[in-house]
Amino acid sequence: MDSGDLKFPLDCQYRIIAENRPNMHFVIETVLMELGILMPLVDQRMSSDGRYFSFSVDVRVDSLEMMNAIDAALRAIDGVRMVL
């Protein structure tokens, strides 16, 4: 993504699709806290077959580097299938 199109700081909403595992909410929240993000992680919905759960978090980001670091950290979590 070309940061020339973005004006920082900006508000981002990250949607996280993860396997429906015990403590997944806690694991994602812990990674966010390690990044200094204290905004609440919101449970969204479970897939129709119950295998996946989606979460969202609103974050104010100051740079493209910060945005990419959050995305990479979330994608690195075992069980996370997609970050939007």
C-alpha atoms as a PDB file:
ATOM      1  CA  MET A   1       0.000   0.000   0.000  1.00  0.00           C
ATOM      2  CA  ASP A   2       1.268   3.467  -0.846  1.00  0.00           C
ATOM      3  CA  SER A   3       1.191   5.633   2.274  1.00  0.00           C
ATOM      4  CA  GLY A   4       0.862   8.698   0.018  1.00  0.00           C
ATOM      5  CA  ASP A   5      -2.849   7.903  -0.237  1.00  0.00           C
ATOM      6  CA  LEU A   6      -3.290   7.814   3.541  1.00  0.00           C
ATOM      7  CA  LYS A   7      -3.334  10.689   6.022  1.00  0.00           C
ATOM      8  CA  PHE A   8      -1.993   9.769   9.458  1.00  0.00           C
ATOM      9  CA  PRO A   9      -3.037   9.475  12.174  1.00  0.00           C
ATOM     10  CA  LEU A  10      -6.105   7.546  11.077  1.00  0.00           C
ATOM     11  CA  ASP A  11      -8.641   5.204  12.607  1.00  0.00           C
ATOM     12  CA  CYS A  12      -8.502   1.586  11.420  1.00  0.00           C
ATOM     13  CA  GLN A  13     -10.807  -1.276  12.167  1.00  0.00           C
ATOM     14  CA  TYR A  14      -9.143  -4.668  12.096  1.00  0.00           C
ATOM     15  CA  ARG A  15     -11.394  -7.684  11.590  1.00  0.00           C
ATOM     16  CA  ILE A  16      -9.830 -10.945  12.659  1.00  0.00           C
ATOM     17  CA  ILE A  17     -11.161 -14.336  11.564  1.00  0.00           C
ATOM     18  CA  ALA A  18      -9.817 -17.128  13.760  1.00  0.00           C
ATOM     19  CA  GLU A  19     -10.429 -20.754  14.531  1.00  0.00           C
ATOM     20  CA  ASN A  20     -12.953 -21.210  17.314  1.00  0.00           C
ATOM     21  CA  ARG A  21     -10.474 -22.263  20.014  1.00  0.00           C
ATOM     22  CA  PRO A  22     -10.582 -21.866  23.787  1.00  0.00           C
ATOM     23  CA  ASN A  23      -8.856 -18.638  24.882  1.00  0.00           C
ATOM     24  CA  MET A  24      -8.534 -17.229  21.335  1.00  0.00           C
ATOM     25  CA  HIS A  25      -9.997 -13.905  22.500  1.00  0.00           C
ATOM     26  CA  PHE A  26      -7.394 -13.746  25.285  1.00  0.00           C
ATOM     27  CA  VAL A  27      -4.525 -14.624  22.922  1.00  0.00           C
ATOM     28  CA  ILE A  28      -5.485 -11.900  20.433  1.00  0.00           C
ATOM     29  CA  GLU A  29      -5.994  -9.365  23.234  1.00  0.00           C
ATOM     30  CA  THR A  30      -2.562 -10.213  24.659  1.00  0.00           C
ATOM     31  CA  VAL A  31      -0.874  -9.583  21.300  1.00  0.00           C
ATOM     32  CA  LEU A  32      -2.701  -6.262  20.991  1.00  0.00           C
ATOM     33  CA  MET A  33      -1.603  -5.237  24.499  1.00  0.00           C
ATOM     34  CA  GLU A  34       2.003  -6.123  23.648  1.00  0.00           C
ATOM     35  CA  LEU A  35       1.683  -3.635  20.766  1.00  0.00           C
ATOM     36  CA  GLY A  36       0.385  -0.986  23.175  1.00  0.00           C
ATOM     37  CA  ILE A  37      -3.206  -1.269  21.938  1.00  0.00           C
ATOM     38  CA  LEU A  38      -5.625  -1.047  24.841  1.00  0.00           C
ATOM     39  CA  MET A  39      -8.850  -0.712  22.861  1.00  0.00           C
ATOM     40  CA  PRO A  40     -11.334  -3.514  23.555  1.00  0.00           C
ATOM     41  CA  LEU A  41     -11.409  -6.558  21.298  1.00  0.00           C
ATOM     42  CA  VAL A  42     -15.039  -7.101  20.308  1.00  0.00           C
ATOM     43  CA  ASP A  43     -16.488 -10.553  19.640  1.00  0.00           C
ATOM     44  CA  GLN A  44     -18.438 -10.362  16.394  1.00  0.00           C
ATOM     45  CA  ARG A  45     -19.906 -13.688  15.302  1.00  0.00           C
ATOM     46  CA  MET A  46     -19.385 -17.397  14.871  1.00  0.00           C
ATOM     47  CA  SER A  47     -19.434 -19.071  11.465  1.00  0.00           C
ATOM     48  CA  SER A  48     -22.492 -21.147  10.639  1.00  0.00           C
ATOM     49  CA  ASP A  49     -20.564 -24.390  11.189  1.00  0.00           C
ATOM     50  CA  GLY A  50     -18.996 -23.125  14.439  1.00  0.00           C
ATOM     51  CA  ARG A  51     -15.393 -23.572  13.241  1.00  0.00           C
ATOM     52  CA  TYR A  52     -14.472 -19.887  13.080  1.00  0.00           C
ATOM     53  CA  PHE A  53     -15.102 -16.779  15.130  1.00  0.00           C
ATOM     54  CA  SER A  54     -14.622 -13.165  14.112  1.00  0.00           C
ATOM     55  CA  PHE A  55     -13.388 -10.302  16.257  1.00  0.00           C
ATOM     56  CA  SER A  56     -12.859  -6.601  15.637  1.00  0.00           C
ATOM     57  CA  VAL A  57     -10.796  -3.857  17.181  1.00  0.00           C
ATOM     58  CA  ASP A  58     -10.667  -0.146  16.377  1.00  0.00           C
ATOM     59  CA  VAL A  59      -7.175   1.324  16.486  1.00  0.00           C
ATOM     60  CA  ARG A  60      -5.794   4.808  15.870  1.00  0.00           C
ATOM     61  CA  VAL A  61      -2.582   4.328  13.888  1.00  0.00           C
ATOM     62  CA  ASP A  62       0.151   6.927  13.472  1.00  0.00           C
ATOM     63  CA  SER A  63       1.996   5.475  10.489  1.00  0.00           C
ATOM     64  CA  LEU A  64       1.953   2.892   7.732  1.00  0.00           C
ATOM     65  CA  GLU A  65       4.669   1.023   9.631  1.00  0.00           C
ATOM     66  CA  MET A  66       2.440   0.772  12.695  1.00  0.00           C
ATOM     67  CA  MET A  67      -0.495  -0.385  10.554  1.00  0.00           C
ATOM     68  CA  ASN A  68       1.648  -3.097   8.951  1.00  0.00           C
ATOM     69  CA  ALA A  69       3.124  -4.179  12.311  1.00  0.00           C
ATOM     70  CA  ILE A  70      -0.354  -4.694  13.780  1.00  0.00           C
ATOM     71  CA  ASP A  71      -1.449  -6.649  10.715  1.00  0.00           C
ATOM     72  CA  ALA A  72       1.669  -8.857  10.816  1.00  0.00           C
ATOM     73  CA  ALA A  73       1.377  -9.529  14.556  1.00  0.00           C
ATOM     74  CA  LEU A  74      -2.267 -10.559  14.224  1.00  0.00           C
ATOM     75  CA  ARG A  75      -1.561 -12.810  11.225  1.00  0.00           C
ATOM     76  CA  ALA A  76       1.262 -14.522  13.158  1.00  0.00           C
ATOM     77  CA  ILE A  77      -1.134 -15.809  15.839  1.00  0.00           C
ATOM     78  CA  ASP A  78      -1.633 -19.572  15.574  1.00  0.00           C
ATOM     79  CA  GLY A  79      -5.254 -20.127  14.573  1.00  0.00           C
ATOM     80  CA  VAL A  80      -5.824 -16.743  12.932  1.00  0.00           C
ATOM     81  CA  ARG A  81      -6.947 -17.385   9.382  1.00  0.00           C
ATOM     82  CA  MET A  82      -7.534 -13.870   8.061  1.00  0.00           C
ATOM     83  CA  VAL A  83      -7.054 -10.223   9.001  1.00  0.00           C
ATOM     84  CA  LEU A  84      -9.102  -7.605   7.169  1.00  0.00           C
END
